[in-house]
Amino acid sequence: MTTLAPDLSQEQYIVDVNGNKTAVILSIELYEQMLEDIHDLAIVAERRSEPSISLAEMKKRLNSHETLSN
């Protein structure tokens, strides 16, 4: 997951007649970055109940598929 600090100077707000913020305008770059972060967090939440494995077990699995170079 790649998370960059948002450039808050790019945000623009739409306010109602009382000065209350009702909407925000973001750059496409920041919007897409936020969507990607939300997607990544959803995947983490979905996989939270999966059992974890040790680093040694993961290396063993990768070596068995020849995807890990020594």
N, C-alpha and C. Protein backbone atom coordinates (compact mmCIF):
# COMPACT_ATOMS: atom_id res chain seq x y z
N MET A 1 0.86 -1.17 0.00
CA MET A 1 0.00 0.00 0.00
C MET A 1 0.90 1.23 0.00
N THR A 2 0.69 2.10 -0.92
CA THR A 2 1.46 3.32 -1.00
C THR A 2 0.61 4.47 -0.50
N THR A 3 1.07 5.08 0.57
CA THR A 3 0.33 6.20 1.12
C THR A 3 1.24 7.42 1.15
N LEU A 4 0.84 8.44 0.47
CA LEU A 4 1.58 9.69 0.47
C LEU A 4 0.80 10.71 1.28
N ALA A 5 1.50 11.61 1.91
CA ALA A 5 0.82 12.66 2.65
C ALA A 5 0.08 13.55 1.67
N PRO A 6 -1.21 13.75 1.89
CA PRO A 6 -1.97 14.59 0.96
C PRO A 6 -1.52 16.03 1.02
N ASP A 7 -1.53 16.67 -0.12
CA ASP A 7 -1.23 18.10 -0.21
C ASP A 7 -2.51 18.85 0.08
N LEU A 8 -2.67 19.27 1.32
CA LEU A 8 -3.92 19.91 1.73
C LEU A 8 -4.18 21.23 1.02
N SER A 9 -3.15 21.81 0.43
CA SER A 9 -3.35 23.07 -0.28
C SER A 9 -4.14 22.85 -1.57
N GLN A 10 -4.29 21.61 -2.00
CA GLN A 10 -5.02 21.31 -3.22
C GLN A 10 -6.52 21.18 -2.97
N GLU A 11 -6.91 21.09 -1.72
CA GLU A 11 -8.33 20.93 -1.40
C GLU A 11 -9.05 22.27 -1.52
N GLN A 12 -10.25 22.20 -2.08
CA GLN A 12 -11.12 23.37 -2.13
C GLN A 12 -12.47 22.95 -1.59
N TYR A 13 -13.09 23.82 -0.84
CA TYR A 13 -14.37 23.48 -0.23
C TYR A 13 -15.49 24.29 -0.84
N ILE A 14 -16.65 23.67 -0.91
CA ILE A 14 -17.87 24.35 -1.30
C ILE A 14 -18.65 24.54 -0.01
N VAL A 15 -19.10 25.76 0.20
CA VAL A 15 -19.81 26.08 1.44
C VAL A 15 -21.22 26.55 1.13
N ASP A 16 -22.10 26.37 2.12
CA ASP A 16 -23.46 26.85 1.95
C ASP A 16 -23.53 28.32 2.36
N VAL A 17 -24.71 28.91 2.35
CA VAL A 17 -24.87 30.33 2.66
C VAL A 17 -24.47 30.66 4.09
N ASN A 18 -24.42 29.66 4.97
CA ASN A 18 -24.02 29.88 6.35
C ASN A 18 -22.52 29.64 6.58
N GLY A 19 -21.82 29.31 5.51
CA GLY A 19 -20.38 29.08 5.63
C GLY A 19 -20.02 27.66 6.05
N ASN A 20 -21.00 26.76 6.10
CA ASN A 20 -20.73 25.36 6.45
C ASN A 20 -20.21 24.61 5.23
N LYS A 21 -19.15 23.85 5.42
CA LYS A 21 -18.60 23.06 4.33
C LYS A 21 -19.60 21.98 3.94
N THR A 22 -19.90 21.90 2.65
CA THR A 22 -20.86 20.90 2.16
C THR A 22 -20.25 19.92 1.18
N ALA A 23 -19.10 20.25 0.61
CA ALA A 23 -18.45 19.39 -0.37
C ALA A 23 -16.98 19.79 -0.45
N VAL A 24 -16.20 18.91 -1.05
CA VAL A 24 -14.77 19.18 -1.23
C VAL A 24 -14.38 18.84 -2.65
N ILE A 25 -13.48 19.62 -3.19
CA ILE A 25 -12.93 19.37 -4.51
C ILE A 25 -11.47 18.95 -4.32
N LEU A 26 -11.13 17.78 -4.86
CA LEU A 26 -9.77 17.25 -4.74
C LEU A 26 -9.16 17.12 -6.13
N SER A 27 -7.84 17.09 -6.17
CA SER A 27 -7.18 16.80 -7.44
C SER A 27 -7.48 15.35 -7.80
N ILE A 28 -7.47 15.05 -9.07
CA ILE A 28 -7.68 13.68 -9.53
C ILE A 28 -6.63 12.76 -8.91
N GLU A 29 -5.39 13.22 -8.85
CA GLU A 29 -4.30 12.42 -8.28
C GLU A 29 -4.60 12.03 -6.83
N LEU A 30 -5.01 12.99 -6.02
CA LEU A 30 -5.32 12.72 -4.62
C LEU A 30 -6.55 11.83 -4.50
N TYR A 31 -7.56 12.05 -5.31
CA TYR A 31 -8.77 11.24 -5.30
C TYR A 31 -8.45 9.79 -5.63
N GLU A 32 -7.67 9.56 -6.69
CA GLU A 32 -7.31 8.21 -7.09
C GLU A 32 -6.45 7.53 -6.03
N GLN A 33 -5.57 8.29 -5.40
CA GLN A 33 -4.73 7.77 -4.32
C GLN A 33 -5.60 7.33 -3.14
N MET A 34 -6.60 8.12 -2.81
CA MET A 34 -7.50 7.77 -1.72
C MET A 34 -8.31 6.52 -2.06
N LEU A 35 -8.77 6.40 -3.30
CA LEU A 35 -9.50 5.20 -3.72
C LEU A 35 -8.63 3.95 -3.59
N GLU A 36 -7.36 4.08 -3.99
CA GLU A 36 -6.43 2.95 -3.89
C GLU A 36 -6.22 2.56 -2.42
N ASP A 37 -6.07 3.55 -1.56
CA ASP A 37 -5.89 3.28 -0.13
C ASP A 37 -7.12 2.59 0.46
N ILE A 38 -8.31 3.04 0.06
CA ILE A 38 -9.54 2.41 0.55
C ILE A 38 -9.62 0.97 0.07
N HIS A 39 -9.25 0.73 -1.18
CA HIS A 39 -9.25 -0.63 -1.72
C HIS A 39 -8.28 -1.52 -0.94
N ASP A 40 -7.07 -1.01 -0.69
CA ASP A 40 -6.08 -1.77 0.07
C ASP A 40 -6.59 -2.10 1.47
N LEU A 41 -7.22 -1.14 2.12
CA LEU A 41 -7.75 -1.37 3.47
C LEU A 41 -8.88 -2.40 3.45
N ALA A 42 -9.69 -2.40 2.40
CA ALA A 42 -10.76 -3.38 2.28
C ALA A 42 -10.19 -4.79 2.15
N ILE A 43 -9.11 -4.93 1.39
CA ILE A 43 -8.47 -6.23 1.25
C ILE A 43 -7.91 -6.70 2.59
N VAL A 44 -7.27 -5.81 3.32
CA VAL A 44 -6.75 -6.15 4.64
C VAL A 44 -7.88 -6.61 5.56
N ALA A 45 -8.99 -5.90 5.54
CA ALA A 45 -10.14 -6.26 6.39
C ALA A 45 -10.70 -7.64 6.01
N GLU A 46 -10.77 -7.92 4.71
CA GLU A 46 -11.28 -9.22 4.25
C GLU A 46 -10.38 -10.36 4.68
N ARG A 47 -9.07 -10.11 4.73
CA ARG A 47 -8.12 -11.18 5.01
C ARG A 47 -7.74 -11.26 6.49
N ARG A 48 -8.32 -10.42 7.31
CA ARG A 48 -7.97 -10.36 8.72
C ARG A 48 -8.14 -11.71 9.43
N SER A 49 -9.13 -12.49 9.05
CA SER A 49 -9.40 -13.75 9.72
C SER A 49 -8.56 -14.92 9.17
N GLU A 50 -7.80 -14.69 8.11
CA GLU A 50 -6.95 -15.74 7.57
C GLU A 50 -5.81 -16.04 8.53
N PRO A 51 -5.42 -17.31 8.63
CA PRO A 51 -4.30 -17.63 9.52
C PRO A 51 -3.00 -17.07 8.98
N SER A 52 -2.13 -16.67 9.88
CA SER A 52 -0.83 -16.15 9.46
C SER A 52 0.18 -17.30 9.37
N ILE A 53 1.26 -17.06 8.62
CA ILE A 53 2.32 -18.06 8.52
C ILE A 53 3.64 -17.38 8.86
N SER A 54 4.61 -18.17 9.24
CA SER A 54 5.92 -17.63 9.59
C SER A 54 6.68 -17.23 8.33
N LEU A 55 7.70 -16.41 8.53
CA LEU A 55 8.56 -16.02 7.41
C LEU A 55 9.24 -17.25 6.83
N ALA A 56 9.68 -18.16 7.68
CA ALA A 56 10.34 -19.38 7.21
C ALA A 56 9.39 -20.20 6.32
N GLU A 57 8.13 -20.31 6.73
CA GLU A 57 7.15 -21.05 5.92
C GLU A 57 6.92 -20.35 4.58
N MET A 58 6.85 -19.03 4.60
CA MET A 58 6.65 -18.30 3.35
C MET A 58 7.82 -18.50 2.41
N LYS A 59 9.06 -18.44 2.94
CA LYS A 59 10.24 -18.68 2.11
C LYS A 59 10.22 -20.09 1.54
N LYS A 60 9.81 -21.07 2.35
CA LYS A 60 9.72 -22.45 1.90
C LYS A 60 8.74 -22.56 0.73
N ARG A 61 7.59 -21.92 0.85
CA ARG A 61 6.59 -21.95 -0.22
C ARG A 61 7.11 -21.28 -1.49
N LEU A 62 7.76 -20.14 -1.33
CA LEU A 62 8.29 -19.43 -2.50
C LEU A 62 9.39 -20.24 -3.17
N ASN A 63 10.27 -20.86 -2.37
CA ASN A 63 11.34 -21.68 -2.94
C ASN A 63 10.77 -22.87 -3.70
N SER A 64 9.71 -23.45 -3.18
CA SER A 64 9.11 -24.61 -3.85
C SER A 64 8.52 -24.23 -5.20
N HIS A 65 8.18 -22.98 -5.37
CA HIS A 65 7.64 -22.51 -6.66
C HIS A 65 8.69 -21.77 -7.48
N GLU A 66 9.93 -21.79 -6.98
CA GLU A 66 11.07 -21.14 -7.65
C GLU A 66 10.83 -19.66 -7.92
N THR A 67 10.16 -18.98 -6.98
CA THR A 67 9.93 -17.55 -7.13
C THR A 67 10.83 -16.72 -6.24
N LEU A 68 11.63 -17.39 -5.42
CA LEU A 68 12.52 -16.68 -4.51
C LEU A 68 13.95 -16.97 -4.92
N SER A 69 14.71 -15.93 -5.22
CA SER A 69 16.12 -16.15 -5.58
C SER A 69 16.97 -15.99 -4.32
N ASN A 70 17.96 -16.83 -4.20
CA ASN A 70 18.82 -16.79 -3.01
C ASN A 70 19.93 -15.81 -3.17
